[in-house]
Amino acid sequence: LENLVRNAVRHSPPEGPVRLDGRREGDCWHLWISDRGPGVPEDRLDSIFEPFVRLDQARSAGSGFGLGLSIARRAVNRQGGRIWAENGHPGLRVHLCLPAAPEVPAANV
């Protein structure tokens, strides 16, 4: 989640809002992070989750190696979830669906 928020802040304009939202959908939690940045070309939406992919080649080497979203995808997949991105016109929205923990009945007091 930290990598997703960090990317949203990095790619949003100054004073641009970054929003984290979510809801329960069946037996999963659906979370999403939206920014107001330039978005991603449609044909590259899935590739941003590959290791070492950096779409903005003008950034200095000190600002990342293109691993954050790859690490996020791996972490989400290991928990049985999935992650994907879509353009928001403007901005980008990254979605996570994670399995919800089973509800534990309250103890009788």
PDB file of N, CA and C in Angstrom:
ATOM      1  N   LEU A   1       0.837  -1.188   0.000  1.00  0.00           N
ATOM      2  CA  LEU A   1       0.000   0.000   0.000  1.00  0.00           C
ATOM      3  C   LEU A   1       0.880   1.249   0.000  1.00  0.00           C
ATOM      4  N   GLU A   2       1.981   1.180   0.742  1.00  0.00           N
ATOM      5  CA  GLU A   2       2.885   2.326   0.773  1.00  0.00           C
ATOM      6  C   GLU A   2       3.425   2.651  -0.617  1.00  0.00           C
ATOM      7  N   ASN A   3       3.828   1.636  -1.374  1.00  0.00           N
ATOM      8  CA  ASN A   3       4.331   1.873  -2.729  1.00  0.00           C
ATOM      9  C   ASN A   3       3.273   2.520  -3.606  1.00  0.00           C
ATOM     10  N   LEU A   4       2.037   2.105  -3.472  1.00  0.00           N
ATOM     11  CA  LEU A   4       0.963   2.662  -4.290  1.00  0.00           C
ATOM     12  C   LEU A   4       0.700   4.129  -3.946  1.00  0.00           C
ATOM     13  N   VAL A   5       0.665   4.433  -2.657  1.00  0.00           N
ATOM     14  CA  VAL A   5       0.441   5.820  -2.231  1.00  0.00           C
ATOM     15  C   VAL A   5       1.623   6.696  -2.641  1.00  0.00           C
ATOM     16  N   ARG A   6       2.823   6.186  -2.461  1.00  0.00           N
ATOM     17  CA  ARG A   6       4.024   6.951  -2.829  1.00  0.00           C
ATOM     18  C   ARG A   6       4.009   7.284  -4.330  1.00  0.00           C
ATOM     19  N   ASN A   7       3.658   6.316  -5.161  1.00  0.00           N
ATOM     20  CA  ASN A   7       3.577   6.570  -6.606  1.00  0.00           C
ATOM     21  C   ASN A   7       2.505   7.605  -6.931  1.00  0.00           C
ATOM     22  N   ALA A   8       1.350   7.493  -6.287  1.00  0.00           N
ATOM     23  CA  ALA A   8       0.268   8.440  -6.549  1.00  0.00           C
ATOM     24  C   ALA A   8       0.695   9.863  -6.185  1.00  0.00           C
ATOM     25  N   VAL A   9       1.363  10.029  -5.060  1.00  0.00           N
ATOM     26  CA  VAL A   9       1.833  11.355  -4.642  1.00  0.00           C
ATOM     27  C   VAL A   9       2.892  11.858  -5.616  1.00  0.00           C
ATOM     28  N   ARG A  10       3.814  10.999  -6.004  1.00  0.00           N
ATOM     29  CA  ARG A  10       4.907  11.387  -6.909  1.00  0.00           C
ATOM     30  C   ARG A  10       4.377  11.859  -8.259  1.00  0.00           C
ATOM     31  N   HIS A  11       3.321  11.236  -8.764  1.00  0.00           N
ATOM     32  CA  HIS A  11       2.850  11.551 -10.110  1.00  0.00           C
ATOM     33  C   HIS A  11       1.683  12.533 -10.148  1.00  0.00           C
ATOM     34  N   SER A  12       1.213  12.978  -9.002  1.00  0.00           N
ATOM     35  CA  SER A  12       0.164  13.994  -8.961  1.00  0.00           C
ATOM     36  C   SER A  12       0.786  15.376  -9.051  1.00  0.00           C
ATOM     37  N   PRO A  13       0.041  16.330  -9.595  1.00  0.00           N
ATOM     38  CA  PRO A  13       0.560  17.704  -9.617  1.00  0.00           C
ATOM     39  C   PRO A  13       0.608  18.263  -8.196  1.00  0.00           C
ATOM     40  N   PRO A  14       1.408  19.313  -7.990  1.00  0.00           N
ATOM     41  CA  PRO A  14       1.422  19.941  -6.666  1.00  0.00           C
ATOM     42  C   PRO A  14       0.001  20.309  -6.249  1.00  0.00           C
ATOM     43  N   GLU A  15      -0.329  20.050  -5.024  1.00  0.00           N
ATOM     44  CA  GLU A  15      -1.662  20.308  -4.479  1.00  0.00           C
ATOM     45  C   GLU A  15      -2.730  19.397  -5.080  1.00  0.00           C
ATOM     46  N   GLY A  16      -2.337  18.445  -5.909  1.00  0.00           N
ATOM     47  CA  GLY A  16      -3.302  17.517  -6.499  1.00  0.00           C
ATOM     48  C   GLY A  16      -3.745  16.495  -5.471  1.00  0.00           C
ATOM     49  N   PRO A  17      -5.021  16.166  -5.442  1.00  0.00           N
ATOM     50  CA  PRO A  17      -5.505  15.212  -4.445  1.00  0.00           C
ATOM     51  C   PRO A  17      -5.090  13.781  -4.778  1.00  0.00           C
ATOM     52  N   VAL A  18      -4.818  13.026  -3.733  1.00  0.00           N
ATOM     53  CA  VAL A  18      -4.619  11.586  -3.814  1.00  0.00           C
ATOM     54  C   VAL A  18      -5.667  10.991  -2.889  1.00  0.00           C
ATOM     55  N   ARG A  19      -6.426  10.045  -3.406  1.00  0.00           N
ATOM     56  CA  ARG A  19      -7.552   9.520  -2.634  1.00  0.00           C
ATOM     57  C   ARG A  19      -7.432   8.010  -2.468  1.00  0.00           C
ATOM     58  N   LEU A  20      -7.632   7.554  -1.256  1.00  0.00           N
ATOM     59  CA  LEU A  20      -7.687   6.133  -0.945  1.00  0.00           C
ATOM     60  C   LEU A  20      -9.117   5.821  -0.537  1.00  0.00           C
ATOM     61  N   ASP A  21      -9.695   4.818  -1.176  1.00  0.00           N
ATOM     62  CA  ASP A  21     -11.082   4.472  -0.900  1.00  0.00           C
ATOM     63  C   ASP A  21     -11.222   2.961  -0.971  1.00  0.00           C
ATOM     64  N   GLY A  22     -12.343   2.448  -0.541  1.00  0.00           N
ATOM     65  CA  GLY A  22     -12.557   1.013  -0.621  1.00  0.00           C
ATOM     66  C   GLY A  22     -13.909   0.601  -0.089  1.00  0.00           C
ATOM     67  N   ARG A  23     -14.200  -0.674  -0.326  1.00  0.00           N
ATOM     68  CA  ARG A  23     -15.452  -1.238   0.169  1.00  0.00           C
ATOM     69  C   ARG A  23     -15.328  -2.762   0.181  1.00  0.00           C
ATOM     70  N   ARG A  24     -16.164  -3.368   0.969  1.00  0.00           N
ATOM     71  CA  ARG A  24     -16.239  -4.823   0.998  1.00  0.00           C
ATOM     72  C   ARG A  24     -17.083  -5.285  -0.168  1.00  0.00           C
ATOM     73  N   GLU A  25     -16.595  -6.256  -0.925  1.00  0.00           N
ATOM     74  CA  GLU A  25     -17.325  -6.846  -2.042  1.00  0.00           C
ATOM     75  C   GLU A  25     -17.295  -8.353  -1.857  1.00  0.00           C
ATOM     76  N   GLY A  26     -18.378  -8.900  -1.339  1.00  0.00           N
ATOM     77  CA  GLY A  26     -18.426 -10.340  -1.082  1.00  0.00           C
ATOM     78  C   GLY A  26     -17.384 -10.737  -0.055  1.00  0.00           C
ATOM     79  N   ASP A  27     -16.520 -11.655  -0.427  1.00  0.00           N
ATOM     80  CA  ASP A  27     -15.498 -12.111   0.515  1.00  0.00           C
ATOM     81  C   ASP A  27     -14.147 -11.446   0.251  1.00  0.00           C
ATOM     82  N   CYS A  28     -14.171 -10.256  -0.390  1.00  0.00           N
ATOM     83  CA  CYS A  28     -12.944  -9.506  -0.665  1.00  0.00           C
ATOM     84  C   CYS A  28     -13.099  -8.054  -0.239  1.00  0.00           C
ATOM     85  N   TRP A  29     -11.962  -7.440   0.034  1.00  0.00           N
ATOM     86  CA  TRP A  29     -11.903  -5.995   0.202  1.00  0.00           C
ATOM     87  C   TRP A  29     -11.361  -5.421  -1.089  1.00  0.00           C
ATOM     88  N   HIS A  30     -12.090  -4.479  -1.673  1.00  0.00           N
ATOM     89  CA  HIS A  30     -11.673  -3.790  -2.890  1.00  0.00           C
ATOM     90  C   HIS A  30     -11.229  -2.394  -2.473  1.00  0.00           C
ATOM     91  N   LEU A  31      -9.932  -2.126  -2.604  1.00  0.00           N
ATOM     92  CA  LEU A  31      -9.351  -0.827  -2.268  1.00  0.00           C
ATOM     93  C   LEU A  31      -8.849  -0.189  -3.555  1.00  0.00           C
ATOM     94  N   TRP A  32      -8.871   1.137  -3.616  1.00  0.00           N
ATOM     95  CA  TRP A  32      -8.287   1.808  -4.766  1.00  0.00           C
ATOM     96  C   TRP A  32      -7.691   3.131  -4.347  1.00  0.00           C
ATOM     97  N   ILE A  33      -6.650   3.513  -5.081  1.00  0.00           N
ATOM     98  CA  ILE A  33      -5.931   4.762  -4.873  1.00  0.00           C
ATOM     99  C   ILE A  33      -6.001   5.527  -6.181  1.00  0.00           C
ATOM    100  N   SER A  34      -6.477   6.763  -6.110  1.00  0.00           N
ATOM    101  CA  SER A  34      -6.630   7.604  -7.300  1.00  0.00           C
ATOM    102  C   SER A  34      -5.742   8.826  -7.167  1.00  0.00           C
ATOM    103  N   ASP A  35      -5.140   9.220  -8.285  1.00  0.00           N
ATOM    104  CA  ASP A  35      -4.369  10.462  -8.308  1.00  0.00           C
ATOM    105  C   ASP A  35      -4.840  11.316  -9.474  1.00  0.00           C
ATOM    106  N   ARG A  36      -4.263  12.478  -9.635  1.00  0.00           N
ATOM    107  CA  ARG A  36      -4.624  13.400 -10.716  1.00  0.00           C
ATOM    108  C   ARG A  36      -3.443  13.635 -11.648  1.00  0.00           C
ATOM    109  N   GLY A  37      -2.534  12.670 -11.708  1.00  0.00           N
ATOM    110  CA  GLY A  37      -1.372  12.770 -12.580  1.00  0.00           C
ATOM    111  C   GLY A  37      -1.733  12.558 -14.034  1.00  0.00           C
ATOM    112  N   PRO A  38      -0.720  12.324 -14.875  1.00  0.00           N
ATOM    113  CA  PRO A  38      -0.948  12.197 -16.316  1.00  0.00           C
ATOM    114  C   PRO A  38      -1.538  10.859 -16.743  1.00  0.00           C
ATOM    115  N   GLY A  39      -1.621   9.892 -15.850  1.00  0.00           N
ATOM    116  CA  GLY A  39      -2.106   8.574 -16.234  1.00  0.00           C
ATOM    117  C   GLY A  39      -1.029   7.791 -16.952  1.00  0.00           C
ATOM    118  N   VAL A  40      -1.432   6.704 -17.591  1.00  0.00           N
ATOM    119  CA  VAL A  40      -0.510   5.786 -18.261  1.00  0.00           C
ATOM    120  C   VAL A  40      -1.110   5.450 -19.615  1.00  0.00           C
ATOM    121  N   PRO A  41      -0.298   5.354 -20.662  1.00  0.00           N
ATOM    122  CA  PRO A  41      -0.859   4.922 -21.939  1.00  0.00           C
ATOM    123  C   PRO A  41      -1.605   3.592 -21.778  1.00  0.00           C
ATOM    124  N   GLU A  42      -2.767   3.488 -22.418  1.00  0.00           N
ATOM    125  CA  GLU A  42      -3.621   2.300 -22.250  1.00  0.00           C
ATOM    126  C   GLU A  42      -2.862   0.996 -22.495  1.00  0.00           C
ATOM    127  N   ASP A  43      -2.006   0.978 -23.499  1.00  0.00           N
ATOM    128  CA  ASP A  43      -1.291  -0.251 -23.827  1.00  0.00           C
ATOM    129  C   ASP A  43      -0.166  -0.587 -22.851  1.00  0.00           C
ATOM    130  N   ARG A  44       0.066   0.287 -21.853  1.00  0.00           N
ATOM    131  CA  ARG A  44       1.123   0.043 -20.864  1.00  0.00           C
ATOM    132  C   ARG A  44       0.570  -0.210 -19.464  1.00  0.00           C
ATOM    133  N   LEU A  45      -0.751  -0.224 -19.315  1.00  0.00           N
ATOM    134  CA  LEU A  45      -1.341  -0.354 -17.976  1.00  0.00           C
ATOM    135  C   LEU A  45      -0.900  -1.617 -17.246  1.00  0.00           C
ATOM    136  N   ASP A  46      -0.761  -2.731 -17.924  1.00  0.00           N
ATOM    137  CA  ASP A  46      -0.330  -3.951 -17.248  1.00  0.00           C
ATOM    138  C   ASP A  46       1.178  -3.982 -17.061  1.00  0.00           C
ATOM    139  N   SER A  47       1.928  -3.404 -17.992  1.00  0.00           N
ATOM    140  CA  SER A  47       3.390  -3.473 -17.913  1.00  0.00           C
ATOM    141  C   SER A  47       3.965  -2.672 -16.755  1.00  0.00           C
ATOM    142  N   ILE A  48       3.212  -1.718 -16.196  1.00  0.00           N
ATOM    143  CA  ILE A  48       3.760  -0.936 -15.076  1.00  0.00           C
ATOM    144  C   ILE A  48       3.998  -1.798 -13.839  1.00  0.00           C
ATOM    145  N   PHE A  49       3.442  -3.001 -13.820  1.00  0.00           N
ATOM    146  CA  PHE A  49       3.641  -3.904 -12.685  1.00  0.00           C
ATOM    147  C   PHE A  49       4.818  -4.856 -12.898  1.00  0.00           C
ATOM    148  N   GLU A  50       5.514  -4.733 -14.025  1.00  0.00           N
ATOM    149  CA  GLU A  50       6.681  -5.563 -14.303  1.00  0.00           C
ATOM    150  C   GLU A  50       7.921  -4.929 -13.660  1.00  0.00           C
ATOM    151  N   PRO A  51       8.885  -5.758 -13.227  1.00  0.00           N
ATOM    152  CA  PRO A  51      10.102  -5.203 -12.609  1.00  0.00           C
ATOM    153  C   PRO A  51      10.872  -4.287 -13.565  1.00  0.00           C
ATOM    154  N   PHE A  52      11.404  -3.233 -13.017  1.00  0.00           N
ATOM    155  CA  PHE A  52      12.285  -2.268 -13.686  1.00  0.00           C
ATOM    156  C   PHE A  52      11.602  -1.430 -14.760  1.00  0.00           C
ATOM    157  N   VAL A  53      10.280  -1.426 -14.800  1.00  0.00           N
ATOM    158  CA  VAL A  53       9.564  -0.586 -15.762  1.00  0.00           C
ATOM    159  C   VAL A  53       9.388   0.798 -15.152  1.00  0.00           C
ATOM    160  N   ARG A  54       9.876   1.791 -15.871  1.00  0.00           N
ATOM    161  CA  ARG A  54       9.707   3.195 -15.496  1.00  0.00           C
ATOM    162  C   ARG A  54       9.267   3.919 -16.750  1.00  0.00           C
ATOM    163  N   LEU A  55       8.060   4.415 -16.761  1.00  0.00           N
ATOM    164  CA  LEU A  55       7.547   5.060 -17.966  1.00  0.00           C
ATOM    165  C   LEU A  55       8.149   6.435 -18.185  1.00  0.00           C
ATOM    166  N   ASP A  56       8.509   7.131 -17.126  1.00  0.00           N
ATOM    167  CA  ASP A  56       9.074   8.473 -17.248  1.00  0.00           C
ATOM    168  C   ASP A  56      10.588   8.354 -17.233  1.00  0.00           C
ATOM    169  N   GLN A  57      11.194   8.244 -18.404  1.00  0.00           N
ATOM    170  CA  GLN A  57      12.641   8.079 -18.514  1.00  0.00           C
ATOM    171  C   GLN A  57      13.409   9.341 -18.123  1.00  0.00           C
ATOM    172  N   ALA A  58      12.718  10.469 -18.005  1.00  0.00           N
ATOM    173  CA  ALA A  58      13.398  11.715 -17.665  1.00  0.00           C
ATOM    174  C   ALA A  58      13.720  11.823 -16.178  1.00  0.00           C
ATOM    175  N   ARG A  59      13.132  10.952 -15.370  1.00  0.00           N
ATOM    176  CA  ARG A  59      13.388  11.027 -13.938  1.00  0.00           C
ATOM    177  C   ARG A  59      14.820  10.645 -13.641  1.00  0.00           C
ATOM    178  N   SER A  60      15.366  11.229 -12.599  1.00  0.00           N
ATOM    179  CA  SER A  60      16.736  10.899 -12.222  1.00  0.00           C
ATOM    180  C   SER A  60      16.795   9.498 -11.642  1.00  0.00           C
ATOM    181  N   ALA A  61      17.966   8.885 -11.714  1.00  0.00           N
ATOM    182  CA  ALA A  61      18.134   7.514 -11.219  1.00  0.00           C
ATOM    183  C   ALA A  61      17.872   7.425  -9.725  1.00  0.00           C
ATOM    184  N   GLY A  62      17.999   8.534  -9.002  1.00  0.00           N
ATOM    185  CA  GLY A  62      17.801   8.509  -7.560  1.00  0.00           C
ATOM    186  C   GLY A  62      16.351   8.413  -7.139  1.00  0.00           C
ATOM    187  N   SER A  63      15.410   8.510  -8.078  1.00  0.00           N
ATOM    188  CA  SER A  63      14.003   8.520  -7.686  1.00  0.00           C
ATOM    189  C   SER A  63      13.325   7.166  -7.822  1.00  0.00           C
ATOM    190  N   GLY A  64      14.080   6.114  -8.026  1.00  0.00           N
ATOM    191  CA  GLY A  64      13.496   4.780  -8.051  1.00  0.00           C
ATOM    192  C   GLY A  64      14.077   3.911  -9.139  1.00  0.00           C
ATOM    193  N   PHE A  65      13.805   2.635  -8.998  1.00  0.00           N
ATOM    194  CA  PHE A  65      14.324   1.659  -9.951  1.00  0.00           C
ATOM    195  C   PHE A  65      13.216   0.963 -10.735  1.00  0.00           C
ATOM    196  N   GLY A  66      11.975   1.344 -10.516  1.00  0.00           N
ATOM    197  CA  GLY A  66      10.881   0.680 -11.210  1.00  0.00           C
ATOM    198  C   GLY A  66      10.494  -0.639 -10.579  1.00  0.00           C
ATOM    199  N   LEU A  67      10.670  -0.740  -9.268  1.00  0.00           N
ATOM    200  CA  LEU A  67      10.350  -1.987  -8.567  1.00  0.00           C
ATOM    201  C   LEU A  67       9.116  -1.897  -7.679  1.00  0.00           C
ATOM    202  N   GLY A  68       8.675  -0.699  -7.337  1.00  0.00           N
ATOM    203  CA  GLY A  68       7.593  -0.531  -6.362  1.00  0.00           C
ATOM    204  C   GLY A  68       6.307  -1.250  -6.727  1.00  0.00           C
ATOM    205  N   LEU A  69       5.832  -1.066  -7.958  1.00  0.00           N
ATOM    206  CA  LEU A  69       4.582  -1.703  -8.353  1.00  0.00           C
ATOM    207  C   LEU A  69       4.752  -3.209  -8.545  1.00  0.00           C
ATOM    208  N   SER A  70       5.936  -3.628  -8.953  1.00  0.00           N
ATOM    209  CA  SER A  70       6.213  -5.058  -9.070  1.00  0.00           C
ATOM    210  C   SER A  70       6.176  -5.723  -7.694  1.00  0.00           C
ATOM    211  N   ILE A  71       6.765  -5.073  -6.717  1.00  0.00           N
ATOM    212  CA  ILE A  71       6.739  -5.582  -5.340  1.00  0.00           C
ATOM    213  C   ILE A  71       5.309  -5.611  -4.825  1.00  0.00           C
ATOM    214  N   ALA A  72       4.543  -4.560  -5.113  1.00  0.00           N
ATOM    215  CA  ALA A  72       3.147  -4.515  -4.674  1.00  0.00           C
ATOM    216  C   ALA A  72       2.355  -5.666  -5.281  1.00  0.00           C
ATOM    217  N   ARG A  73       2.525  -5.905  -6.587  1.00  0.00           N
ATOM    218  CA  ARG A  73       1.786  -6.994  -7.240  1.00  0.00           C
ATOM    219  C   ARG A  73       2.155  -8.341  -6.620  1.00  0.00           C
ATOM    220  N   ARG A  74       3.411  -8.552  -6.381  1.00  0.00           N
ATOM    221  CA  ARG A  74       3.839  -9.831  -5.797  1.00  0.00           C
ATOM    222  C   ARG A  74       3.241 -10.023  -4.407  1.00  0.00           C
ATOM    223  N   ALA A  75       3.250  -8.966  -3.593  1.00  0.00           N
ATOM    224  CA  ALA A  75       2.692  -9.057  -2.236  1.00  0.00           C
ATOM    225  C   ALA A  75       1.193  -9.345  -2.279  1.00  0.00           C
ATOM    226  N   VAL A  76       0.482  -8.675  -3.168  1.00  0.00           N
ATOM    227  CA  VAL A  76      -0.962  -8.876  -3.289  1.00  0.00           C
ATOM    228  C   VAL A  76      -1.255 -10.288  -3.785  1.00  0.00           C
ATOM    229  N   ASN A  77      -0.530 -10.749  -4.798  1.00  0.00           N
ATOM    230  CA  ASN A  77      -0.727 -12.104  -5.320  1.00  0.00           C
ATOM    231  C   ASN A  77      -0.462 -13.166  -4.259  1.00  0.00           C
ATOM    232  N   ARG A  78       0.555 -12.966  -3.432  1.00  0.00           N
ATOM    233  CA  ARG A  78       0.879 -13.942  -2.383  1.00  0.00           C
ATOM    234  C   ARG A  78      -0.237 -14.050  -1.343  1.00  0.00           C
ATOM    235  N   GLN A  79      -1.052 -13.031  -1.230  1.00  0.00           N
ATOM    236  CA  GLN A  79      -2.163 -13.054  -0.284  1.00  0.00           C
ATOM    237  C   GLN A  79      -3.454 -13.516  -0.949  1.00  0.00           C
ATOM    238  N   GLY A  80      -3.361 -13.978  -2.186  1.00  0.00           N
ATOM    239  CA  GLY A  80      -4.545 -14.457  -2.892  1.00  0.00           C
ATOM    240  C   GLY A  80      -5.374 -13.362  -3.516  1.00  0.00           C
ATOM    241  N   GLY A  81      -4.790 -12.173  -3.670  1.00  0.00           N
ATOM    242  CA  GLY A  81      -5.523 -11.054  -4.246  1.00  0.00           C
ATOM    243  C   GLY A  81      -5.070 -10.740  -5.650  1.00  0.00           C
ATOM    244  N   ARG A  82      -5.527  -9.611  -6.130  1.00  0.00           N
ATOM    245  CA  ARG A  82      -5.098  -9.151  -7.450  1.00  0.00           C
ATOM    246  C   ARG A  82      -5.012  -7.634  -7.443  1.00  0.00           C
ATOM    247  N   ILE A  83      -4.246  -7.100  -8.381  1.00  0.00           N
ATOM    248  CA  ILE A  83      -4.012  -5.668  -8.481  1.00  0.00           C
ATOM    249  C   ILE A  83      -4.021  -5.288  -9.963  1.00  0.00           C
ATOM    250  N   TRP A  84      -4.604  -4.144 -10.278  1.00  0.00           N
ATOM    251  CA  TRP A  84      -4.624  -3.671 -11.656  1.00  0.00           C
ATOM    252  C   TRP A  84      -4.780  -2.162 -11.652  1.00  0.00           C
ATOM    253  N   ALA A  85      -4.563  -1.553 -12.812  1.00  0.00           N
ATOM    254  CA  ALA A  85      -4.651  -0.096 -12.932  1.00  0.00           C
ATOM    255  C   ALA A  85      -5.563   0.277 -14.091  1.00  0.00           C
ATOM    256  N   GLU A  86      -6.162   1.466 -13.973  1.00  0.00           N
ATOM    257  CA  GLU A  86      -6.962   2.038 -15.059  1.00  0.00           C
ATOM    258  C   GLU A  86      -6.786   3.542 -15.038  1.00  0.00           C
ATOM    259  N   ASN A  87      -6.927   4.149 -16.184  1.00  0.00           N
ATOM    260  CA  ASN A  87      -6.847   5.600 -16.266  1.00  0.00           C
ATOM    261  C   ASN A  87      -8.149   6.210 -15.784  1.00  0.00           C
ATOM    262  N   GLY A  88      -8.017   7.350 -15.092  1.00  0.00           N
ATOM    263  CA  GLY A  88      -9.184   8.023 -14.547  1.00  0.00           C
ATOM    264  C   GLY A  88      -9.575   9.270 -15.310  1.00  0.00           C
ATOM    265  N   HIS A  89      -8.761   9.747 -16.217  1.00  0.00           N
ATOM    266  CA  HIS A  89      -9.054  10.910 -17.070  1.00  0.00           C
ATOM    267  C   HIS A  89      -9.485  12.126 -16.265  1.00  0.00           C
ATOM    268  N   PRO A  90      -8.725  12.794 -15.500  1.00  0.00           N
ATOM    269  CA  PRO A  90      -7.277  12.654 -15.426  1.00  0.00           C
ATOM    270  C   PRO A  90      -6.871  11.653 -14.355  1.00  0.00           C
ATOM    271  N   GLY A  91      -5.627  11.310 -14.381  1.00  0.00           N
ATOM    272  CA  GLY A  91      -5.043  10.513 -13.320  1.00  0.00           C
ATOM    273  C   GLY A  91      -5.065   9.023 -13.565  1.00  0.00           C
ATOM    274  N   LEU A  92      -4.637   8.321 -12.549  1.00  0.00           N
ATOM    275  CA  LEU A  92      -4.565   6.873 -12.576  1.00  0.00           C
ATOM    276  C   LEU A  92      -5.259   6.342 -11.331  1.00  0.00           C
ATOM    277  N   ARG A  93      -5.923   5.227 -11.468  1.00  0.00           N
ATOM    278  CA  ARG A  93      -6.535   4.549 -10.329  1.00  0.00           C
ATOM    279  C   ARG A  93      -5.965   3.136 -10.288  1.00  0.00           C
ATOM    280  N   VAL A  94      -5.367   2.790  -9.145  1.00  0.00           N
ATOM    281  CA  VAL A  94      -4.826   1.451  -8.944  1.00  0.00           C
ATOM    282  C   VAL A  94      -5.753   0.729  -7.978  1.00  0.00           C
ATOM    283  N   HIS A  95      -6.201  -0.454  -8.384  1.00  0.00           N
ATOM    284  CA  HIS A  95      -7.143  -1.258  -7.610  1.00  0.00           C
ATOM    285  C   HIS A  95      -6.445  -2.443  -6.958  1.00  0.00           C
ATOM    286  N   LEU A  96      -6.895  -2.785  -5.757  1.00  0.00           N
ATOM    287  CA  LEU A  96      -6.480  -4.005  -5.075  1.00  0.00           C
ATOM    288  C   LEU A  96      -7.728  -4.747  -4.639  1.00  0.00           C
ATOM    289  N   CYS A  97      -7.752  -6.034  -4.837  1.00  0.00           N
ATOM    290  CA  CYS A  97      -8.791  -6.876  -4.241  1.00  0.00           C
ATOM    291  C   CYS A  97      -8.063  -7.890  -3.378  1.00  0.00           C
ATOM    292  N   LEU A  98      -8.362  -7.866  -2.098  1.00  0.00           N
ATOM    293  CA  LEU A  98      -7.721  -8.763  -1.138  1.00  0.00           C
ATOM    294  C   LEU A  98      -8.778  -9.584  -0.426  1.00  0.00           C
ATOM    295  N   PRO A  99      -8.503 -10.872  -0.202  1.00  0.00           N
ATOM    296  CA  PRO A  99      -9.465 -11.687   0.532  1.00  0.00           C
ATOM    297  C   PRO A  99      -9.690 -11.133   1.926  1.00  0.00           C
ATOM    298  N   ALA A 100     -10.925 -11.077   2.329  1.00  0.00           N
ATOM    299  CA  ALA A 100     -11.270 -10.619   3.685  1.00  0.00           C
ATOM    300  C   ALA A 100     -11.053 -11.769   4.659  1.00  0.00           C
ATOM    301  N   ALA A 101     -10.618 -11.425   5.845  1.00  0.00           N
ATOM    302  CA  ALA A 101     -10.479 -12.445   6.891  1.00  0.00           C
ATOM    303  C   ALA A 101     -11.872 -12.924   7.296  1.00  0.00           C
ATOM    304  N   PRO A 102     -12.002 -14.200   7.600  1.00  0.00           N
ATOM    305  CA  PRO A 102     -13.325 -14.688   8.031  1.00  0.00           C
ATOM    306  C   PRO A 102     -13.745 -13.984   9.312  1.00  0.00           C
ATOM    307  N   GLU A 103     -15.033 -13.712   9.393  1.00  0.00           N
ATOM    308  CA  GLU A 103     -15.538 -13.062  10.590  1.00  0.00           C
ATOM    309  C   GLU A 103     -15.514 -14.029  11.758  1.00  0.00           C
ATOM    310  N   VAL A 104     -15.097 -13.516  12.888  1.00  0.00           N
ATOM    311  CA  VAL A 104     -15.039 -14.327  14.105  1.00  0.00           C
ATOM    312  C   VAL A 104     -16.236 -13.956  14.955  1.00  0.00           C
ATOM    313  N   PRO A 105     -17.059 -14.942  15.332  1.00  0.00           N
ATOM    314  CA  PRO A 105     -18.223 -14.616  16.150  1.00  0.00           C
ATOM    315  C   PRO A 105     -17.782 -14.044  17.503  1.00  0.00           C
ATOM    316  N   ALA A 106     -18.550 -13.077  17.969  1.00  0.00           N
ATOM    317  CA  ALA A 106     -18.256 -12.471  19.279  1.00  0.00           C
ATOM    318  C   ALA A 106     -18.484 -13.512  20.366  1.00  0.00           C
ATOM    319  N   ALA A 107     -17.646 -13.445  21.381  1.00  0.00           N
ATOM    320  CA  ALA A 107     -17.783 -14.362  22.514  1.00  0.00           C
ATOM    321  C   ALA A 107     -19.015 -13.984  23.337  1.00  0.00           C
ATOM    322  N   ASN A 108     -19.722 -14.963  23.803  1.00  0.00           N
ATOM    323  CA  ASN A 108     -20.876 -14.705  24.678  1.00  0.00           C
ATOM    324  C   ASN A 108     -20.379 -14.281  26.043  1.00  0.00           C
ATOM    325  N   VAL A 109     -20.899 -13.183  26.506  1.00  0.00           N
ATOM    326  CA  VAL A 109     -20.467 -12.654  27.809  1.00  0.00           C
ATOM    327  C   VAL A 109     -21.566 -12.810  28.809  1.00  0.00           C
TER     328      VAL A 109
END
